[in-house]
All heavy atoms as atom14 arrays in JSON, in Angstrom:
{
  "sequence": "WDTKDFKDWIDKQEMQSRSICFVIGESHGF",
  "atom14_mask": [
    [1, 1, 1, 1, 1, 1, 1, 1, 1, 1, 1, 1, 1, 1],
    [1, 1, 1, 1, 1, 1, 1, 1, 0, 0, 0, 0, 0, 0],
    [1, 1, 1, 1, 1, 1, 1, 0, 0, 0, 0, 0, 0, 0],
    [1, 1, 1, 1, 1, 1, 1, 1, 1, 0, 0, 0, 0, 0],
    [1, 1, 1, 1, 1, 1, 1, 1, 0, 0, 0, 0, 0, 0],
    [1, 1, 1, 1, 1, 1, 1, 1, 1, 1, 1, 0, 0, 0],
    [1, 1, 1, 1, 1, 1, 1, 1, 1, 0, 0, 0, 0, 0],
    [1, 1, 1, 1, 1, 1, 1, 1, 0, 0, 0, 0, 0, 0],
    [1, 1, 1, 1, 1, 1, 1, 1, 1, 1, 1, 1, 1, 1],
    [1, 1, 1, 1, 1, 1, 1, 1, 0, 0, 0, 0, 0, 0],
    [1, 1, 1, 1, 1, 1, 1, 1, 0, 0, 0, 0, 0, 0],
    [1, 1, 1, 1, 1, 1, 1, 1, 1, 0, 0, 0, 0, 0],
    [1, 1, 1, 1, 1, 1, 1, 1, 1, 0, 0, 0, 0, 0],
    [1, 1, 1, 1, 1, 1, 1, 1, 1, 0, 0, 0, 0, 0],
    [1, 1, 1, 1, 1, 1, 1, 1, 0, 0, 0, 0, 0, 0],
    [1, 1, 1, 1, 1, 1, 1, 1, 1, 0, 0, 0, 0, 0],
    [1, 1, 1, 1, 1, 1, 0, 0, 0, 0, 0, 0, 0, 0],
    [1, 1, 1, 1, 1, 1, 1, 1, 1, 1, 1, 0, 0, 0],
    [1, 1, 1, 1, 1, 1, 0, 0, 0, 0, 0, 0, 0, 0],
    [1, 1, 1, 1, 1, 1, 1, 1, 0, 0, 0, 0, 0, 0],
    [1, 1, 1, 1, 1, 1, 0, 0, 0, 0, 0, 0, 0, 0],
    [1, 1, 1, 1, 1, 1, 1, 1, 1, 1, 1, 0, 0, 0],
    [1, 1, 1, 1, 1, 1, 1, 0, 0, 0, 0, 0, 0, 0],
    [1, 1, 1, 1, 1, 1, 1, 1, 0, 0, 0, 0, 0, 0],
    [1, 1, 1, 1, 0, 0, 0, 0, 0, 0, 0, 0, 0, 0],
    [1, 1, 1, 1, 1, 1, 1, 1, 1, 0, 0, 0, 0, 0],
    [1, 1, 1, 1, 1, 1, 0, 0, 0, 0, 0, 0, 0, 0],
    [1, 1, 1, 1, 1, 1, 1, 1, 1, 1, 0, 0, 0, 0],
    [1, 1, 1, 1, 0, 0, 0, 0, 0, 0, 0, 0, 0, 0],
    [1, 1, 1, 1, 1, 1, 1, 1, 1, 1, 1, 0, 0, 0]
  ],
  "atom14_positions": [
    [[13.82, 201.32, -24.76], [15.13, 201.53, -24.24], [16.18, 201.71, -25.26], [16.12, 201.13, -26.35], [15.47, 200.37, -23.34], [14.68, 200.18, -22.09], [14.02, 201.1, -21.39], [14.5, 198.97, -21.44], [13.43, 200.53, -20.31], [13.73, 199.23, -20.29], [14.93, 197.7, -21.63], [13.25, 198.15, -19.41], [14.52, 196.64, -20.72], [13.64, 196.99, -19.61]],
    [[17.3, 202.37, -24.87], [18.48, 202.32, -25.72], [19.33, 201.12, -25.17], [18.88, 200.46, -24.13], [19.25, 203.63, -25.82], [19.76, 204.1, -24.41], [19.89, 203.26, -23.51], [20.08, 205.25, -24.34], [0.0, 0.0, 0.0], [0.0, 0.0, 0.0], [0.0, 0.0, 0.0], [0.0, 0.0, 0.0], [0.0, 0.0, 0.0], [0.0, 0.0, 0.0]],
    [[20.43, 200.83, -25.8], [21.22, 199.67, -25.41], [21.77, 199.8, -23.95], [21.78, 198.92, -23.17], [22.37, 199.4, -26.29], [21.86, 199.21, -27.6], [23.18, 198.19, -25.97], [0.0, 0.0, 0.0], [0.0, 0.0, 0.0], [0.0, 0.0, 0.0], [0.0, 0.0, 0.0], [0.0, 0.0, 0.0], [0.0, 0.0, 0.0], [0.0, 0.0, 0.0]],
    [[22.14, 200.97, -23.52], [22.57, 201.27, -22.18], [21.47, 200.99, -21.13], [21.65, 200.32, -20.07], [23.07, 202.67, -21.97], [23.61, 202.92, -20.56], [24.16, 204.23, -20.25], [24.75, 204.37, -18.89], [24.07, 203.73, -17.78], [0.0, 0.0, 0.0], [0.0, 0.0, 0.0], [0.0, 0.0, 0.0], [0.0, 0.0, 0.0], [0.0, 0.0, 0.0]],
    [[20.2, 201.45, -21.39], [19.06, 201.13, -20.53], [18.84, 199.63, -20.49], [18.56, 199.1, -19.33], [17.76, 201.75, -21.09], [17.79, 203.27, -21.06], [18.49, 203.86, -20.22], [17.12, 203.84, -21.91], [0.0, 0.0, 0.0], [0.0, 0.0, 0.0], [0.0, 0.0, 0.0], [0.0, 0.0, 0.0], [0.0, 0.0, 0.0], [0.0, 0.0, 0.0]],
    [[18.94, 198.91, -21.59], [18.8, 197.53, -21.62], [19.82, 196.84, -20.82], [19.58, 195.94, -19.97], [18.83, 197.04, -23.13], [18.47, 195.59, -23.33], [17.28, 195.01, -22.78], [19.16, 194.79, -24.23], [16.94, 193.7, -22.96], [18.88, 193.5, -24.38], [17.69, 192.92, -23.84], [0.0, 0.0, 0.0], [0.0, 0.0, 0.0], [0.0, 0.0, 0.0]],
    [[21.06, 197.23, -20.89], [22.14, 196.73, -20.1], [21.95, 196.96, -18.61], [22.09, 196.07, -17.77], [23.5, 197.35, -20.55], [24.74, 196.87, -19.7], [25.96, 197.69, -20.09], [27.05, 197.55, -19.07], [26.75, 197.98, -17.77], [0.0, 0.0, 0.0], [0.0, 0.0, 0.0], [0.0, 0.0, 0.0], [0.0, 0.0, 0.0], [0.0, 0.0, 0.0]],
    [[21.57, 198.19, -18.23], [21.29, 198.52, -16.86], [20.17, 197.61, -16.29], [20.23, 197.17, -15.14], [20.92, 199.93, -16.74], [22.08, 200.86, -17.03], [23.23, 200.44, -17.08], [21.85, 202.11, -17.25], [0.0, 0.0, 0.0], [0.0, 0.0, 0.0], [0.0, 0.0, 0.0], [0.0, 0.0, 0.0], [0.0, 0.0, 0.0], [0.0, 0.0, 0.0]],
    [[19.12, 197.41, -17.03], [18.0, 196.51, -16.66], [18.46, 195.09, -16.4], [18.19, 194.52, -15.39], [16.83, 196.62, -17.6], [15.71, 195.76, -17.18], [14.74, 196.23, -16.31], [15.36, 194.45, -17.51], [13.81, 195.17, -16.09], [14.14, 194.11, -16.82], [15.96, 193.41, -18.32], [13.56, 192.89, -16.93], [15.39, 192.25, -18.45], [14.17, 191.96, -17.79]],
    [[19.34, 194.54, -17.33], [19.9, 193.22, -17.16], [20.79, 193.17, -15.9], [20.77, 192.25, -15.13], [20.61, 192.84, -18.44], [19.56, 192.5, -19.55], [21.5, 191.55, -18.18], [20.18, 192.26, -20.89], [0.0, 0.0, 0.0], [0.0, 0.0, 0.0], [0.0, 0.0, 0.0], [0.0, 0.0, 0.0], [0.0, 0.0, 0.0], [0.0, 0.0, 0.0]],
    [[21.67, 194.23, -15.73], [22.45, 194.26, -14.56], [21.56, 194.18, -13.23], [21.97, 193.49, -12.33], [23.31, 195.59, -14.5], [24.41, 195.56, -15.52], [24.83, 194.48, -16.01], [24.88, 196.67, -15.84], [0.0, 0.0, 0.0], [0.0, 0.0, 0.0], [0.0, 0.0, 0.0], [0.0, 0.0, 0.0], [0.0, 0.0, 0.0], [0.0, 0.0, 0.0]],
    [[20.47, 194.89, -13.2], [19.61, 194.89, -12.07], [19.08, 193.53, -11.79], [19.03, 193.04, -10.68], [18.48, 195.95, -12.26], [17.58, 196.02, -11.19], [16.47, 197.04, -11.37], [15.45, 197.04, -10.25], [14.35, 198.0, -10.55], [0.0, 0.0, 0.0], [0.0, 0.0, 0.0], [0.0, 0.0, 0.0], [0.0, 0.0, 0.0], [0.0, 0.0, 0.0]],
    [[18.75, 192.84, -12.83], [18.21, 191.46, -12.77], [19.24, 190.53, -12.22], [19.08, 189.63, -11.33], [17.62, 190.91, -14.05], [16.56, 191.75, -14.68], [15.43, 192.13, -13.66], [14.79, 191.32, -13.07], [15.18, 193.42, -13.58], [0.0, 0.0, 0.0], [0.0, 0.0, 0.0], [0.0, 0.0, 0.0], [0.0, 0.0, 0.0], [0.0, 0.0, 0.0]],
    [[20.5, 190.72, -12.69], [21.63, 189.85, -12.28], [21.9, 190.15, -10.78], [22.16, 189.25, -9.99], [22.86, 190.11, -13.12], [22.74, 189.58, -14.49], [23.96, 189.8, -15.37], [24.74, 190.78, -15.06], [24.13, 189.09, -16.37], [0.0, 0.0, 0.0], [0.0, 0.0, 0.0], [0.0, 0.0, 0.0], [0.0, 0.0, 0.0], [0.0, 0.0, 0.0]],
    [[21.86, 191.42, -10.33], [22.08, 191.77, -9.01], [21.08, 191.02, -8.04], [21.34, 190.72, -6.92], [22.13, 193.25, -8.77], [23.38, 193.91, -9.21], [23.55, 195.6, -8.69], [22.05, 196.44, -9.41], [0.0, 0.0, 0.0], [0.0, 0.0, 0.0], [0.0, 0.0, 0.0], [0.0, 0.0, 0.0], [0.0, 0.0, 0.0], [0.0, 0.0, 0.0]],
    [[19.87, 190.86, -8.58], [18.77, 190.15, -7.82], [18.76, 188.68, -8.07], [17.84, 188.04, -7.61], [17.43, 190.8, -8.17], [17.32, 192.25, -7.78], [16.0, 192.89, -8.37], [15.18, 192.26, -9.07], [15.82, 194.13, -8.12], [0.0, 0.0, 0.0], [0.0, 0.0, 0.0], [0.0, 0.0, 0.0], [0.0, 0.0, 0.0], [0.0, 0.0, 0.0]],
    [[19.87, 188.26, -8.77], [19.95, 186.8, -9.01], [18.67, 186.25, -9.72], [18.24, 185.08, -9.44], [20.3, 185.95, -7.76], [21.51, 186.42, -7.27], [0.0, 0.0, 0.0], [0.0, 0.0, 0.0], [0.0, 0.0, 0.0], [0.0, 0.0, 0.0], [0.0, 0.0, 0.0], [0.0, 0.0, 0.0], [0.0, 0.0, 0.0], [0.0, 0.0, 0.0]],
    [[18.17, 187.03, -10.7], [16.96, 186.57, -11.39], [17.26, 186.09, -12.79], [18.14, 186.73, -13.44], [16.0, 187.68, -11.52], [15.43, 188.14, -10.1], [14.3, 189.14, -10.27], [13.18, 188.46, -10.56], [12.02, 189.05, -10.52], [11.86, 190.27, -10.24], [10.9, 188.38, -10.78], [0.0, 0.0, 0.0], [0.0, 0.0, 0.0], [0.0, 0.0, 0.0]],
    [[16.73, 185.04, -13.2], [16.71, 184.64, -14.62], [15.85, 185.54, -15.35], [14.91, 186.08, -14.77], [16.28, 183.17, -14.73], [17.06, 182.36, -14.05], [0.0, 0.0, 0.0], [0.0, 0.0, 0.0], [0.0, 0.0, 0.0], [0.0, 0.0, 0.0], [0.0, 0.0, 0.0], [0.0, 0.0, 0.0], [0.0, 0.0, 0.0], [0.0, 0.0, 0.0]],
    [[16.02, 185.66, -16.68], [15.16, 186.43, -17.46], [14.59, 185.68, -18.55], [15.32, 184.84, -19.22], [15.92, 187.67, -18.11], [16.62, 188.53, -17.03], [15.08, 188.56, -18.97], [17.56, 189.53, -17.66], [0.0, 0.0, 0.0], [0.0, 0.0, 0.0], [0.0, 0.0, 0.0], [0.0, 0.0, 0.0], [0.0, 0.0, 0.0], [0.0, 0.0, 0.0]],
    [[13.36, 185.77, -18.9], [12.65, 185.09, -19.96], [11.9, 186.17, -20.81], [11.07, 186.83, -20.43], [11.63, 184.12, -19.39], [10.85, 183.1, -20.67], [0.0, 0.0, 0.0], [0.0, 0.0, 0.0], [0.0, 0.0, 0.0], [0.0, 0.0, 0.0], [0.0, 0.0, 0.0], [0.0, 0.0, 0.0], [0.0, 0.0, 0.0], [0.0, 0.0, 0.0]],
    [[12.46, 186.27, -22.07], [11.97, 187.13, -23.06], [10.87, 186.43, -23.81], [11.12, 185.2, -24.2], [13.13, 187.59, -24.08], [14.14, 188.36, -23.41], [15.3, 187.67, -22.95], [14.05, 189.73, -23.2], [16.32, 188.26, -22.33], [15.11, 190.39, -22.56], [16.19, 189.64, -22.07], [0.0, 0.0, 0.0], [0.0, 0.0, 0.0], [0.0, 0.0, 0.0]],
    [[9.74, 187.07, -24.18], [8.72, 186.49, -24.94], [8.31, 187.33, -26.14], [7.99, 188.54, -25.89], [7.43, 186.22, -24.11], [6.31, 185.55, -24.87], [7.79, 185.44, -22.84], [0.0, 0.0, 0.0], [0.0, 0.0, 0.0], [0.0, 0.0, 0.0], [0.0, 0.0, 0.0], [0.0, 0.0, 0.0], [0.0, 0.0, 0.0], [0.0, 0.0, 0.0]],
    [[8.41, 186.77, -27.26], [7.98, 187.37, -28.54], [6.74, 186.69, -28.91], [6.75, 185.53, -29.3], [8.97, 187.3, -29.65], [10.38, 187.97, -29.15], [8.53, 187.97, -30.9], [11.49, 187.81, -30.05], [0.0, 0.0, 0.0], [0.0, 0.0, 0.0], [0.0, 0.0, 0.0], [0.0, 0.0, 0.0], [0.0, 0.0, 0.0], [0.0, 0.0, 0.0]],
    [[5.57, 187.38, -28.93], [4.26, 186.76, -29.17], [3.91, 186.76, -30.71], [4.82, 186.91, -31.58], [0.0, 0.0, 0.0], [0.0, 0.0, 0.0], [0.0, 0.0, 0.0], [0.0, 0.0, 0.0], [0.0, 0.0, 0.0], [0.0, 0.0, 0.0], [0.0, 0.0, 0.0], [0.0, 0.0, 0.0], [0.0, 0.0, 0.0], [0.0, 0.0, 0.0]],
    [[2.7, 186.53, -30.91], [2.22, 186.5, -32.25], [2.27, 187.86, -32.93], [2.45, 188.88, -32.21], [0.76, 185.96, -32.29], [0.75, 184.47, -31.86], [-0.67, 183.96, -31.98], [-1.16, 183.75, -33.12], [-1.32, 183.62, -30.98], [0.0, 0.0, 0.0], [0.0, 0.0, 0.0], [0.0, 0.0, 0.0], [0.0, 0.0, 0.0], [0.0, 0.0, 0.0]],
    [[2.02, 187.96, -34.24], [2.11, 189.19, -34.93], [1.12, 190.27, -34.49], [1.38, 191.48, -34.66], [1.97, 188.98, -36.47], [0.71, 188.38, -36.71], [0.0, 0.0, 0.0], [0.0, 0.0, 0.0], [0.0, 0.0, 0.0], [0.0, 0.0, 0.0], [0.0, 0.0, 0.0], [0.0, 0.0, 0.0], [0.0, 0.0, 0.0], [0.0, 0.0, 0.0]],
    [[0.05, 189.9, -33.91], [-0.97, 190.93, -33.44], [-0.67, 191.33, -32.01], [-1.52, 192.09, -31.4], [-2.36, 190.38, -33.68], [-2.67, 190.08, -35.15], [-2.81, 191.15, -36.04], [-2.8, 189.01, -35.85], [-3.05, 190.69, -37.23], [-3.03, 189.41, -37.1], [0.0, 0.0, 0.0], [0.0, 0.0, 0.0], [0.0, 0.0, 0.0], [0.0, 0.0, 0.0]],
    [[0.34, 190.94, -31.47], [0.73, 191.41, -30.06], [0.09, 190.54, -29.03], [-0.46, 189.44, -29.29], [0.0, 0.0, 0.0], [0.0, 0.0, 0.0], [0.0, 0.0, 0.0], [0.0, 0.0, 0.0], [0.0, 0.0, 0.0], [0.0, 0.0, 0.0], [0.0, 0.0, 0.0], [0.0, 0.0, 0.0], [0.0, 0.0, 0.0], [0.0, 0.0, 0.0]],
    [[0.06, 191.06, -27.79], [-0.48, 190.33, -26.65], [-1.75, 190.92, -26.26], [-2.05, 192.04, -26.35], [0.54, 190.44, -25.52], [1.85, 189.85, -25.72], [2.98, 190.74, -26.07], [2.08, 188.52, -25.61], [4.23, 190.11, -26.3], [3.3, 187.86, -25.9], [4.39, 188.78, -26.17], [0.0, 0.0, 0.0], [0.0, 0.0, 0.0], [0.0, 0.0, 0.0]]
  ]
}
């Protein structure tokens, strides 16, 4: 995403009253 896409996605989560949990895993991915 670009920053606008990221903002729009966060806006959508807020409209749905959802918390967001970001996960950064180990160096080899998930």
